[in-house]
């Protein structure tokens, strides 16, 4: 996101991104409950563990909280990147969902296209 983007535009982009993430979770062949609302998406696994994906409009970031840690992602114009791991959002979600599901997940490759819209 650039510094001239309005808050409404930011929320609209994040809404589309959250819907794309939810669609990809629904396409995964493992049981993950998805709850959305209040600017966040909560993925709950059979083990009871959760991943929380939330928007942070004041910082213009997406935050991901998982068993393996908390991750802050910034928009770099063509994708969202984690400030600490340097992973893009797709790779980060594939990794943390794989860790918590206990099976390899690569479902999130489609969400990168949502960034460009």
PDB file of N, CA and C in Angstrom:
ATOM      1  N   UNK A   1       0.837  -1.169   0.000  1.00  0.00           N
ATOM      2  CA  UNK A   1       0.000   0.000   0.000  1.00  0.00           C
ATOM      3  C   UNK A   1       0.881   1.232   0.000  1.00  0.00           C
ATOM      4  N   UNK A   2       0.486   2.218  -0.756  1.00  0.00           N
ATOM      5  CA  UNK A   2       1.270   3.446  -0.726  1.00  0.00           C
ATOM      6  C   UNK A   2       0.680   4.409   0.289  1.00  0.00           C
ATOM      7  N   UNK A   3       1.433   5.440   0.615  1.00  0.00           N
ATOM      8  CA  UNK A   3       1.028   6.352   1.685  1.00  0.00           C
ATOM      9  C   UNK A   3      -0.189   7.188   1.321  1.00  0.00           C
ATOM     10  N   UNK A   4      -0.559   7.227   0.042  1.00  0.00           N
ATOM     11  CA  UNK A   4      -1.721   8.020  -0.362  1.00  0.00           C
ATOM     12  C   UNK A   4      -3.007   7.198  -0.407  1.00  0.00           C
ATOM     13  N   UNK A   5      -2.921   5.911  -0.168  1.00  0.00           N
ATOM     14  CA  UNK A   5      -4.115   5.075  -0.193  1.00  0.00           C
ATOM     15  C   UNK A   5      -5.025   5.444   0.973  1.00  0.00           C
ATOM     16  N   UNK A   6      -6.303   5.583   0.701  1.00  0.00           N
ATOM     17  CA  UNK A   6      -7.253   5.922   1.756  1.00  0.00           C
ATOM     18  C   UNK A   6      -7.480   4.724   2.670  1.00  0.00           C
ATOM     19  N   UNK A   7      -7.975   5.013   3.852  1.00  0.00           N
ATOM     20  CA  UNK A   7      -8.278   3.936   4.790  1.00  0.00           C
ATOM     21  C   UNK A   7      -9.351   3.023   4.213  1.00  0.00           C
ATOM     22  N   UNK A   8     -10.345   3.595   3.535  1.00  0.00           N
ATOM     23  CA  UNK A   8     -11.405   2.784   2.928  1.00  0.00           C
ATOM     24  C   UNK A   8     -10.830   1.836   1.875  1.00  0.00           C
ATOM     25  N   UNK A   9      -9.926   2.340   1.067  1.00  0.00           N
ATOM     26  CA  UNK A   9      -9.288   1.510   0.045  1.00  0.00           C
ATOM     27  C   UNK A   9      -8.488   0.379   0.692  1.00  0.00           C
ATOM     28  N   UNK A  10      -7.778   0.686   1.772  1.00  0.00           N
ATOM     29  CA  UNK A  10      -7.023  -0.330   2.511  1.00  0.00           C
ATOM     30  C   UNK A  10      -7.966  -1.425   3.002  1.00  0.00           C
ATOM     31  N   UNK A  11      -9.084  -1.031   3.627  1.00  0.00           N
ATOM     32  CA  UNK A  11     -10.036  -2.015   4.149  1.00  0.00           C
ATOM     33  C   UNK A  11     -10.646  -2.849   3.029  1.00  0.00           C
ATOM     34  N   UNK A  12     -10.936  -2.227   1.902  1.00  0.00           N
ATOM     35  CA  UNK A  12     -11.504  -2.961   0.767  1.00  0.00           C
ATOM     36  C   UNK A  12     -10.521  -4.014   0.269  1.00  0.00           C
ATOM     37  N   UNK A  13      -9.254  -3.648   0.136  1.00  0.00           N
ATOM     38  CA  UNK A  13      -8.233  -4.614  -0.296  1.00  0.00           C
ATOM     39  C   UNK A  13      -8.078  -5.746   0.703  1.00  0.00           C
ATOM     40  N   UNK A  14      -8.082  -5.412   1.987  1.00  0.00           N
ATOM     41  CA  UNK A  14      -7.921  -6.451   3.006  1.00  0.00           C
ATOM     42  C   UNK A  14      -9.154  -7.348   3.051  1.00  0.00           C
ATOM     43  N   UNK A  15     -10.342  -6.781   2.873  1.00  0.00           N
ATOM     44  CA  UNK A  15     -11.554  -7.605   2.809  1.00  0.00           C
ATOM     45  C   UNK A  15     -11.434  -8.643   1.698  1.00  0.00           C
ATOM     46  N   UNK A  16     -10.985  -8.219   0.518  1.00  0.00           N
ATOM     47  CA  UNK A  16     -10.809  -9.157  -0.604  1.00  0.00           C
ATOM     48  C   UNK A  16      -9.762 -10.216  -0.272  1.00  0.00           C
ATOM     49  N   UNK A  17      -8.686  -9.790   0.360  1.00  0.00           N
ATOM     50  CA  UNK A  17      -7.628 -10.720   0.733  1.00  0.00           C
ATOM     51  C   UNK A  17      -8.133 -11.740   1.748  1.00  0.00           C
ATOM     52  N   UNK A  18      -8.875 -11.287   2.750  1.00  0.00           N
ATOM     53  CA  UNK A  18      -9.420 -12.198   3.770  1.00  0.00           C
ATOM     54  C   UNK A  18     -10.385 -13.205   3.132  1.00  0.00           C
ATOM     55  N   UNK A  19     -11.203 -12.746   2.186  1.00  0.00           N
ATOM     56  CA  UNK A  19     -12.119 -13.662   1.493  1.00  0.00           C
ATOM     57  C   UNK A  19     -11.337 -14.698   0.689  1.00  0.00           C
ATOM     58  N   UNK A  20     -10.253 -14.275   0.044  1.00  0.00           N
ATOM     59  CA  UNK A  20      -9.421 -15.208  -0.721  1.00  0.00           C
ATOM     60  C   UNK A  20      -8.776 -16.241   0.202  1.00  0.00           C
ATOM     61  N   UNK A  21      -8.303 -15.804   1.363  1.00  0.00           N
ATOM     62  CA  UNK A  21      -7.721 -16.737   2.336  1.00  0.00           C
ATOM     63  C   UNK A  21      -8.785 -17.725   2.793  1.00  0.00           C
ATOM     64  N   UNK A  22      -9.964 -17.230   3.125  1.00  0.00           N
ATOM     65  CA  UNK A  22     -11.049 -18.115   3.569  1.00  0.00           C
ATOM     66  C   UNK A  22     -11.408 -19.122   2.483  1.00  0.00           C
ATOM     67  N   UNK A  23     -11.479 -18.685   1.235  1.00  0.00           N
ATOM     68  CA  UNK A  23     -11.768 -19.601   0.125  1.00  0.00           C
ATOM     69  C   UNK A  23     -10.706 -20.685   0.021  1.00  0.00           C
ATOM     70  N   UNK A  24      -9.448 -20.329   0.201  1.00  0.00           N
ATOM     71  CA  UNK A  24      -8.373 -21.314   0.115  1.00  0.00           C
ATOM     72  C   UNK A  24      -8.416 -22.297   1.282  1.00  0.00           C
ATOM     73  N   UNK A  25      -8.758 -21.813   2.476  1.00  0.00           N
ATOM     74  CA  UNK A  25      -8.894 -22.714   3.626  1.00  0.00           C
ATOM     75  C   UNK A  25     -10.013 -23.710   3.357  1.00  0.00           C
ATOM     76  N   UNK A  26     -11.122 -23.234   2.797  1.00  0.00           N
ATOM     77  CA  UNK A  26     -12.244 -24.125   2.478  1.00  0.00           C
ATOM     78  C   UNK A  26     -11.845 -25.189   1.460  1.00  0.00           C
ATOM     79  N   UNK A  27     -10.870 -24.891   0.605  1.00  0.00           N
ATOM     80  CA  UNK A  27     -10.435 -25.832  -0.427  1.00  0.00           C
ATOM     81  C   UNK A  27      -9.443 -26.876   0.093  1.00  0.00           C
ATOM     82  N   UNK A  28      -8.894 -26.655   1.284  1.00  0.00           N
ATOM     83  CA  UNK A  28      -7.925 -27.587   1.866  1.00  0.00           C
ATOM     84  C   UNK A  28      -8.654 -28.859   2.293  1.00  0.00           C
ATOM     85  N   UNK A  29      -8.025 -29.999   2.060  1.00  0.00           N
ATOM     86  CA  UNK A  29      -8.651 -31.286   2.352  1.00  0.00           C
ATOM     87  C   UNK A  29      -8.501 -31.707   3.813  1.00  0.00           C
ATOM     88  N   UNK A  30      -8.296 -30.754   4.709  1.00  0.00           N
ATOM     89  CA  UNK A  30      -8.240 -31.054   6.139  1.00  0.00           C
ATOM     90  C   UNK A  30      -9.270 -30.189   6.847  1.00  0.00           C
ATOM     91  N   UNK A  31      -9.635 -30.598   8.044  1.00  0.00           N
ATOM     92  CA  UNK A  31     -10.694 -29.907   8.778  1.00  0.00           C
ATOM     93  C   UNK A  31     -10.135 -28.702   9.533  1.00  0.00           C
ATOM     94  N   UNK A  32     -10.467 -27.518   9.037  1.00  0.00           N
ATOM     95  CA  UNK A  32     -10.087 -26.264   9.688  1.00  0.00           C
ATOM     96  C   UNK A  32     -11.342 -25.417   9.762  1.00  0.00           C
ATOM     97  N   UNK A  33     -11.729 -25.011  10.968  1.00  0.00           N
ATOM     98  CA  UNK A  33     -12.860 -24.093  11.130  1.00  0.00           C
ATOM     99  C   UNK A  33     -12.381 -22.677  10.858  1.00  0.00           C
ATOM    100  N   UNK A  34     -13.200 -21.902  10.167  1.00  0.00           N
ATOM    101  CA  UNK A  34     -12.857 -20.515   9.852  1.00  0.00           C
ATOM    102  C   UNK A  34     -13.946 -19.609  10.391  1.00  0.00           C
ATOM    103  N   UNK A  35     -13.556 -18.647  11.200  1.00  0.00           N
ATOM    104  CA  UNK A  35     -14.479 -17.634  11.712  1.00  0.00           C
ATOM    105  C   UNK A  35     -13.916 -16.267  11.359  1.00  0.00           C
ATOM    106  N   UNK A  36     -14.783 -15.398  10.888  1.00  0.00           N
ATOM    107  CA  UNK A  36     -14.345 -14.057  10.539  1.00  0.00           C
ATOM    108  C   UNK A  36     -15.200 -13.012  11.213  1.00  0.00           C
ATOM    109  N   UNK A  37     -14.643 -11.853  11.374  1.00  0.00           N
ATOM    110  CA  UNK A  37     -15.361 -10.734  11.958  1.00  0.00           C
ATOM    111  C   UNK A  37     -14.418  -9.833  12.716  1.00  0.00           C
ATOM    112  N   UNK A  38     -14.848  -8.604  12.924  1.00  0.00           N
ATOM    113  CA  UNK A  38     -14.045  -7.627  13.666  1.00  0.00           C
ATOM    114  C   UNK A  38     -12.640  -7.470  13.098  1.00  0.00           C
ATOM    115  N   UNK A  39     -12.523  -7.558  11.770  1.00  0.00           N
ATOM    116  CA  UNK A  39     -11.235  -7.318  11.141  1.00  0.00           C
ATOM    117  C   UNK A  39     -10.242  -8.445  11.245  1.00  0.00           C
ATOM    118  N   UNK A  40     -10.725  -9.640  11.581  1.00  0.00           N
ATOM    119  CA  UNK A  40      -9.795 -10.755  11.688  1.00  0.00           C
ATOM    120  C   UNK A  40     -10.411 -12.040  11.164  1.00  0.00           C
ATOM    121  N   UNK A  41      -9.554 -12.987  10.896  1.00  0.00           N
ATOM    122  CA  UNK A  41      -9.937 -14.321  10.474  1.00  0.00           C
ATOM    123  C   UNK A  41      -9.280 -15.278  11.452  1.00  0.00           C
ATOM    124  N   UNK A  42     -10.068 -16.182  12.025  1.00  0.00           N
ATOM    125  CA  UNK A  42      -9.533 -17.140  12.994  1.00  0.00           C
ATOM    126  C   UNK A  42      -9.662 -18.537  12.403  1.00  0.00           C
ATOM    127  N   UNK A  43      -8.520 -19.217  12.263  1.00  0.00           N
ATOM    128  CA  UNK A  43      -8.484 -20.589  11.780  1.00  0.00           C
ATOM    129  C   UNK A  43      -8.285 -21.490  12.990  1.00  0.00           C
ATOM    130  N   UNK A  44      -9.224 -22.406  13.220  1.00  0.00           N
ATOM    131  CA  UNK A  44      -9.138 -23.308  14.367  1.00  0.00           C
ATOM    132  C   UNK A  44      -8.955 -24.734  13.856  1.00  0.00           C
ATOM    133  N   UNK A  45      -7.937 -25.403  14.373  1.00  0.00           N
ATOM    134  CA  UNK A  45      -7.575 -26.749  13.943  1.00  0.00           C
ATOM    135  C   UNK A  45      -8.171 -27.783  14.893  1.00  0.00           C
ATOM    136  N   UNK A  46      -8.223 -29.046  14.453  1.00  0.00           N
ATOM    137  CA  UNK A  46      -8.767 -30.123  15.283  1.00  0.00           C
ATOM    138  C   UNK A  46      -8.069 -30.216  16.631  1.00  0.00           C
ATOM    139  N   UNK A  47      -6.804 -29.866  16.682  1.00  0.00           N
ATOM    140  CA  UNK A  47      -6.034 -29.905  17.931  1.00  0.00           C
ATOM    141  C   UNK A  47      -6.452 -28.808  18.906  1.00  0.00           C
ATOM    142  N   UNK A  48      -7.274 -27.859  18.416  1.00  0.00           N
ATOM    143  CA  UNK A  48      -7.684 -26.731  19.248  1.00  0.00           C
ATOM    144  C   UNK A  48      -6.800 -25.507  19.086  1.00  0.00           C
ATOM    145  N   UNK A  49      -5.675 -25.657  18.397  1.00  0.00           N
ATOM    146  CA  UNK A  49      -4.809 -24.501  18.169  1.00  0.00           C
ATOM    147  C   UNK A  49      -5.433 -23.583  17.131  1.00  0.00           C
ATOM    148  N   UNK A  50      -5.001 -22.334  17.151  1.00  0.00           N
ATOM    149  CA  UNK A  50      -5.566 -21.344  16.240  1.00  0.00           C
ATOM    150  C   UNK A  50      -4.476 -20.533  15.553  1.00  0.00           C
ATOM    151  N   UNK A  51      -4.843 -20.022  14.393  1.00  0.00           N
ATOM    152  CA  UNK A  51      -4.071 -18.992  13.706  1.00  0.00           C
ATOM    153  C   UNK A  51      -5.015 -17.816  13.552  1.00  0.00           C
ATOM    154  N   UNK A  52      -4.552 -16.636  13.943  1.00  0.00           N
ATOM    155  CA  UNK A  52      -5.369 -15.429  13.823  1.00  0.00           C
ATOM    156  C   UNK A  52      -4.696 -14.506  12.812  1.00  0.00           C
ATOM    157  N   UNK A  53      -5.462 -14.120  11.809  1.00  0.00           N
ATOM    158  CA  UNK A  53      -4.991 -13.183  10.784  1.00  0.00           C
ATOM    159  C   UNK A  53      -5.792 -11.910  10.978  1.00  0.00           C
ATOM    160  N   UNK A  54      -5.106 -10.804  11.234  1.00  0.00           N
ATOM    161  CA  UNK A  54      -5.841  -9.569  11.525  1.00  0.00           C
ATOM    162  C   UNK A  54      -5.264  -8.385  10.767  1.00  0.00           C
ATOM    163  N   UNK A  55      -6.147  -7.447  10.491  1.00  0.00           N
ATOM    164  CA  UNK A  55      -5.730  -6.202   9.837  1.00  0.00           C
ATOM    165  C   UNK A  55      -5.347  -5.191  10.905  1.00  0.00           C
ATOM    166  N   UNK A  56      -4.356  -4.405  10.603  1.00  0.00           N
ATOM    167  CA  UNK A  56      -3.898  -3.345  11.503  1.00  0.00           C
ATOM    168  C   UNK A  56      -3.881  -2.049  10.696  1.00  0.00           C
ATOM    169  N   UNK A  57      -5.033  -1.368  10.600  1.00  0.00           N
ATOM    170  CA  UNK A  57      -5.114  -0.198   9.720  1.00  0.00           C
ATOM    171  C   UNK A  57      -4.191   0.951  10.120  1.00  0.00           C
ATOM    172  N   UNK A  58      -3.979   1.171  11.396  1.00  0.00           N
ATOM    173  CA  UNK A  58      -3.111   2.282  11.814  1.00  0.00           C
ATOM    174  C   UNK A  58      -1.679   2.077  11.321  1.00  0.00           C
ATOM    175  N   UNK A  59      -1.228   0.824  11.317  1.00  0.00           N
ATOM    176  CA  UNK A  59       0.125   0.508  10.856  1.00  0.00           C
ATOM    177  C   UNK A  59       0.148   0.129   9.377  1.00  0.00           C
ATOM    178  N   UNK A  60      -1.052  -0.042   8.785  1.00  0.00           N
ATOM    179  CA  UNK A  60      -1.181  -0.513   7.397  1.00  0.00           C
ATOM    180  C   UNK A  60      -0.471  -1.858   7.238  1.00  0.00           C
ATOM    181  N   UNK A  61      -0.758  -2.768   8.168  1.00  0.00           N
ATOM    182  CA  UNK A  61      -0.140  -4.088   8.187  1.00  0.00           C
ATOM    183  C   UNK A  61      -1.197  -5.173   8.317  1.00  0.00           C
ATOM    184  N   UNK A  62      -0.760  -6.395   8.042  1.00  0.00           N
ATOM    185  CA  UNK A  62      -1.508  -7.607   8.365  1.00  0.00           C
ATOM    186  C   UNK A  62      -0.679  -8.327   9.417  1.00  0.00           C
ATOM    187  N   UNK A  63      -1.335  -8.776  10.480  1.00  0.00           N
ATOM    188  CA  UNK A  63      -0.635  -9.537  11.511  1.00  0.00           C
ATOM    189  C   UNK A  63      -1.137 -10.968  11.488  1.00  0.00           C
ATOM    190  N   UNK A  64      -0.214 -11.909  11.655  1.00  0.00           N
ATOM    191  CA  UNK A  64      -0.543 -13.328  11.729  1.00  0.00           C
ATOM    192  C   UNK A  64       0.001 -13.848  13.051  1.00  0.00           C
ATOM    193  N   UNK A  65      -0.893 -14.397  13.871  1.00  0.00           N
ATOM    194  CA  UNK A  65      -0.491 -15.006  15.145  1.00  0.00           C
ATOM    195  C   UNK A  65      -0.683 -16.516  15.017  1.00  0.00           C
ATOM    196  N   UNK A  66       0.394 -17.262  15.237  1.00  0.00           N
ATOM    197  CA  UNK A  66       0.372 -18.718  15.115  1.00  0.00           C
ATOM    198  C   UNK A  66       1.144 -19.315  16.283  1.00  0.00           C
ATOM    199  N   UNK A  67       1.095 -20.650  16.399  1.00  0.00           N
ATOM    200  CA  UNK A  67       1.849 -21.316  17.457  1.00  0.00           C
ATOM    201  C   UNK A  67       3.331 -20.959  17.405  1.00  0.00           C
ATOM    202  N   UNK A  68       3.850 -20.801  16.209  1.00  0.00           N
ATOM    203  CA  UNK A  68       5.285 -20.549  16.054  1.00  0.00           C
ATOM    204  C   UNK A  68       5.674 -19.088  16.230  1.00  0.00           C
ATOM    205  N   UNK A  69       4.691 -18.212  16.441  1.00  0.00           N
ATOM    206  CA  UNK A  69       5.034 -16.818  16.704  1.00  0.00           C
ATOM    207  C   UNK A  69       4.058 -15.826  16.109  1.00  0.00           C
ATOM    208  N   UNK A  70       4.395 -14.558  16.297  1.00  0.00           N
ATOM    209  CA  UNK A  70       3.606 -13.468  15.740  1.00  0.00           C
ATOM    210  C   UNK A  70       4.374 -12.830  14.596  1.00  0.00           C
ATOM    211  N   UNK A  71       3.673 -12.519  13.518  1.00  0.00           N
ATOM    212  CA  UNK A  71       4.316 -12.032  12.306  1.00  0.00           C
ATOM    213  C   UNK A  71       3.600 -10.782  11.816  1.00  0.00           C
ATOM    214  N   UNK A  72       4.365  -9.744  11.526  1.00  0.00           N
ATOM    215  CA  UNK A  72       3.822  -8.481  11.020  1.00  0.00           C
ATOM    216  C   UNK A  72       4.214  -8.366   9.556  1.00  0.00           C
ATOM    217  N   UNK A  73       3.218  -8.198   8.695  1.00  0.00           N
ATOM    218  CA  UNK A  73       3.474  -8.123   7.259  1.00  0.00           C
ATOM    219  C   UNK A  73       3.143  -6.744   6.724  1.00  0.00           C
ATOM    220  N   UNK A  74       4.049  -6.230   5.907  1.00  0.00           N
ATOM    221  CA  UNK A  74       3.871  -4.921   5.270  1.00  0.00           C
ATOM    222  C   UNK A  74       3.707  -5.112   3.766  1.00  0.00           C
ATOM    223  N   UNK A  75       2.909  -4.241   3.193  1.00  0.00           N
ATOM    224  CA  UNK A  75       2.690  -4.233   1.756  1.00  0.00           C
ATOM    225  C   UNK A  75       3.913  -3.627   1.074  1.00  0.00           C
ATOM    226  N   UNK A  76       4.483  -4.370   0.149  1.00  0.00           N
ATOM    227  CA  UNK A  76       5.650  -3.883  -0.591  1.00  0.00           C
ATOM    228  C   UNK A  76       5.287  -3.535  -2.040  1.00  0.00           C
ATOM    229  N   UNK A  77       4.009  -3.304  -2.290  1.00  0.00           N
ATOM    230  CA  UNK A  77       3.573  -2.895  -3.620  1.00  0.00           C
ATOM    231  C   UNK A  77       3.148  -4.035  -4.515  1.00  0.00           C
ATOM    232  N   UNK A  78       3.715  -5.195  -4.332  1.00  0.00           N
ATOM    233  CA  UNK A  78       3.353  -6.346  -5.158  1.00  0.00           C
ATOM    234  C   UNK A  78       3.037  -7.572  -4.315  1.00  0.00           C
ATOM    235  N   UNK A  79       3.267  -7.508  -3.011  1.00  0.00           N
ATOM    236  CA  UNK A  79       2.945  -8.608  -2.106  1.00  0.00           C
ATOM    237  C   UNK A  79       3.124  -8.119  -0.670  1.00  0.00           C
ATOM    238  N   UNK A  80       2.639  -8.911   0.263  1.00  0.00           N
ATOM    239  CA  UNK A  80       2.819  -8.638   1.692  1.00  0.00           C
ATOM    240  C   UNK A  80       4.016  -9.438   2.169  1.00  0.00           C
ATOM    241  N   UNK A  81       4.926  -8.795   2.916  1.00  0.00           N
ATOM    242  CA  UNK A  81       6.130  -9.466   3.389  1.00  0.00           C
ATOM    243  C   UNK A  81       6.281  -9.305   4.896  1.00  0.00           C
ATOM    244  N   UNK A  82       6.706 -10.408   5.549  1.00  0.00           N
ATOM    245  CA  UNK A  82       6.950 -10.403   6.987  1.00  0.00           C
ATOM    246  C   UNK A  82       8.234  -9.638   7.271  1.00  0.00           C
ATOM    247  N   UNK A  83       8.164  -8.781   8.263  1.00  0.00           N
ATOM    248  CA  UNK A  83       9.316  -7.959   8.634  1.00  0.00           C
ATOM    249  C   UNK A  83      10.452  -8.776   9.250  1.00  0.00           C
ATOM    250  N   UNK A  84      10.144  -9.901   9.896  1.00  0.00           N
ATOM    251  CA  UNK A  84      11.200 -10.659  10.578  1.00  0.00           C
ATOM    252  C   UNK A  84      11.696 -11.859   9.774  1.00  0.00           C
ATOM    253  N   UNK A  85      10.790 -12.572   9.104  1.00  0.00           N
ATOM    254  CA  UNK A  85      11.216 -13.771   8.371  1.00  0.00           C
ATOM    255  C   UNK A  85      11.477 -13.497   6.899  1.00  0.00           C
ATOM    256  N   UNK A  86      11.021 -12.384   6.396  1.00  0.00           N
ATOM    257  CA  UNK A  86      11.061 -11.965   4.987  1.00  0.00           C
ATOM    258  C   UNK A  86      10.199 -12.833   4.073  1.00  0.00           C
ATOM    259  N   UNK A  87       9.407 -13.740   4.649  1.00  0.00           N
ATOM    260  CA  UNK A  87       8.492 -14.552   3.837  1.00  0.00           C
ATOM    261  C   UNK A  87       7.366 -13.676   3.314  1.00  0.00           C
ATOM    262  N   UNK A  88       6.859 -14.032   2.131  1.00  0.00           N
ATOM    263  CA  UNK A  88       5.645 -13.362   1.689  1.00  0.00           C
ATOM    264  C   UNK A  88       4.451 -14.038   2.364  1.00  0.00           C
ATOM    265  N   UNK A  89       3.282 -13.435   2.252  1.00  0.00           N
ATOM    266  CA  UNK A  89       2.095 -13.942   2.950  1.00  0.00           C
ATOM    267  C   UNK A  89       1.772 -15.371   2.539  1.00  0.00           C
ATOM    268  N   UNK A  90       1.877 -15.681   1.250  1.00  0.00           N
ATOM    269  CA  UNK A  90       1.598 -17.030   0.758  1.00  0.00           C
ATOM    270  C   UNK A  90       2.494 -18.057   1.441  1.00  0.00           C
ATOM    271  N   UNK A  91       3.797 -17.830   1.432  1.00  0.00           N
ATOM    272  CA  UNK A  91       4.736 -18.777   2.039  1.00  0.00           C
ATOM    273  C   UNK A  91       4.531 -18.882   3.544  1.00  0.00           C
ATOM    274  N   UNK A  92       4.273 -17.757   4.190  1.00  0.00           N
ATOM    275  CA  UNK A  92       4.049 -17.764   5.634  1.00  0.00           C
ATOM    276  C   UNK A  92       2.813 -18.583   5.986  1.00  0.00           C
ATOM    277  N   UNK A  93       1.700 -18.349   5.284  1.00  0.00           N
ATOM    278  CA  UNK A  93       0.478 -19.106   5.577  1.00  0.00           C
ATOM    279  C   UNK A  93       0.660 -20.589   5.290  1.00  0.00           C
ATOM    280  N   UNK A  94       1.293 -20.932   4.170  1.00  0.00           N
ATOM    281  CA  UNK A  94       1.549 -22.349   3.890  1.00  0.00           C
ATOM    282  C   UNK A  94       2.360 -22.979   5.015  1.00  0.00           C
ATOM    283  N   UNK A  95       3.362 -22.265   5.521  1.00  0.00           N
ATOM    284  CA  UNK A  95       4.222 -22.811   6.583  1.00  0.00           C
ATOM    285  C   UNK A  95       3.479 -22.971   7.900  1.00  0.00           C
ATOM    286  N   UNK A  96       2.798 -21.916   8.370  1.00  0.00           N
ATOM    287  CA  UNK A  96       2.178 -22.004   9.696  1.00  0.00           C
ATOM    288  C   UNK A  96       0.969 -22.934   9.691  1.00  0.00           C
ATOM    289  N   UNK A  97       0.230 -22.992   8.592  1.00  0.00           N
ATOM    290  CA  UNK A  97      -0.889 -23.943   8.519  1.00  0.00           C
ATOM    291  C   UNK A  97      -0.346 -25.367   8.478  1.00  0.00           C
ATOM    292  N   UNK A  98       0.726 -25.605   7.732  1.00  0.00           N
ATOM    293  CA  UNK A  98       1.361 -26.926   7.709  1.00  0.00           C
ATOM    294  C   UNK A  98       1.818 -27.324   9.110  1.00  0.00           C
ATOM    295  N   UNK A  99       2.452 -26.400   9.827  1.00  0.00           N
ATOM    296  CA  UNK A  99       2.933 -26.693  11.183  1.00  0.00           C
ATOM    297  C   UNK A  99       1.785 -27.070  12.104  1.00  0.00           C
ATOM    298  N   UNK A 100       0.688 -26.364  12.023  1.00  0.00           N
ATOM    299  CA  UNK A 100      -0.406 -26.610  12.961  1.00  0.00           C
ATOM    300  C   UNK A 100      -1.331 -27.729  12.517  1.00  0.00           C
ATOM    301  N   UNK A 101      -1.419 -27.995  11.225  1.00  0.00           N
ATOM    302  CA  UNK A 101      -2.272 -29.078  10.738  1.00  0.00           C
ATOM    303  C   UNK A 101      -1.555 -30.422  10.801  1.00  0.00           C
ATOM    304  N   UNK A 102      -0.226 -30.388  10.768  1.00  0.00           N
ATOM    305  CA  UNK A 102       0.532 -31.631  10.802  1.00  0.00           C
ATOM    306  C   UNK A 102       0.620 -32.323   9.450  1.00  0.00           C
ATOM    307  N   UNK A 103       0.137 -31.679   8.401  1.00  0.00           N
ATOM    308  CA  UNK A 103       0.246 -32.190   7.032  1.00  0.00           C
ATOM    309  C   UNK A 103       0.668 -31.030   6.132  1.00  0.00           C
ATOM    310  N   UNK A 104       1.315 -31.354   5.034  1.00  0.00           N
ATOM    311  CA  UNK A 104       1.790 -30.312   4.126  1.00  0.00           C
ATOM    312  C   UNK A 104       0.620 -29.613   3.451  1.00  0.00           C
ATOM    313  N   UNK A 105       0.611 -28.297   3.533  1.00  0.00           N
ATOM    314  CA  UNK A 105      -0.427 -27.473   2.916  1.00  0.00           C
ATOM    315  C   UNK A 105       0.257 -26.482   1.979  1.00  0.00           C
ATOM    316  N   UNK A 106      -0.230 -26.429   0.745  1.00  0.00           N
ATOM    317  CA  UNK A 106       0.290 -25.467  -0.237  1.00  0.00           C
ATOM    318  C   UNK A 106      -0.863 -24.728  -0.908  1.00  0.00           C
ATOM    319  N   UNK A 107      -1.964 -24.602  -0.212  1.00  0.00           N
ATOM    320  CA  UNK A 107      -3.200 -24.072  -0.791  1.00  0.00           C
ATOM    321  C   UNK A 107      -3.196 -22.576  -1.010  1.00  0.00           C
ATOM    322  N   UNK A 108      -2.272 -21.868  -0.425  1.00  0.00           N
ATOM    323  CA  UNK A 108      -2.389 -20.414  -0.406  1.00  0.00           C
ATOM    324  C   UNK A 108      -1.714 -19.708  -1.580  1.00  0.00           C
ATOM    325  N   UNK A 109      -1.301 -20.454  -2.585  1.00  0.00           N
ATOM    326  CA  UNK A 109      -0.639 -19.823  -3.730  1.00  0.00           C
ATOM    327  C   UNK A 109      -1.570 -18.897  -4.500  1.00  0.00           C
ATOM    328  N   UNK A 110      -2.865 -19.128  -4.415  1.00  0.00           N
ATOM    329  CA  UNK A 110      -3.823 -18.316  -5.166  1.00  0.00           C
ATOM    330  C   UNK A 110      -4.044 -16.932  -4.566  1.00  0.00           C
ATOM    331  N   UNK A 111      -3.688 -16.718  -3.310  1.00  0.00           N
ATOM    332  CA  UNK A 111      -3.999 -15.422  -2.694  1.00  0.00           C
ATOM    333  C   UNK A 111      -3.103 -14.304  -3.188  1.00  0.00           C
ATOM    334  N   UNK A 112      -1.955 -14.638  -3.738  1.00  0.00           N
ATOM    335  CA  UNK A 112      -1.052 -13.592  -4.237  1.00  0.00           C
ATOM    336  C   UNK A 112      -1.719 -12.758  -5.319  1.00  0.00           C
ATOM    337  N   UNK A 113      -2.567 -13.381  -6.125  1.00  0.00           N
ATOM    338  CA  UNK A 113      -3.236 -12.637  -7.200  1.00  0.00           C
ATOM    339  C   UNK A 113      -4.225 -11.619  -6.652  1.00  0.00           C
ATOM    340  N   UNK A 114      -4.700 -11.817  -5.442  1.00  0.00           N
ATOM    341  CA  UNK A 114      -5.641 -10.874  -4.832  1.00  0.00           C
ATOM    342  C   UNK A 114      -4.964  -9.551  -4.509  1.00  0.00           C
ATOM    343  N   UNK A 115      -3.663  -9.576  -4.313  1.00  0.00           N
ATOM    344  CA  UNK A 115      -2.957  -8.352  -3.954  1.00  0.00           C
ATOM    345  C   UNK A 115      -2.995  -7.333  -5.084  1.00  0.00           C
ATOM    346  N   UNK A 116      -2.940  -7.811  -6.291  1.00  0.00           N
ATOM    347  CA  UNK A 116      -2.859  -6.915  -7.445  1.00  0.00           C
ATOM    348  C   UNK A 116      -4.192  -6.251  -7.782  1.00  0.00           C
ATOM    349  N   UNK A 117      -5.272  -6.748  -7.249  1.00  0.00           N
ATOM    350  CA  UNK A 117      -6.588  -6.208  -7.610  1.00  0.00           C
ATOM    351  C   UNK A 117      -6.918  -4.961  -6.848  1.00  0.00           C
TER     352      UNK A 117
END
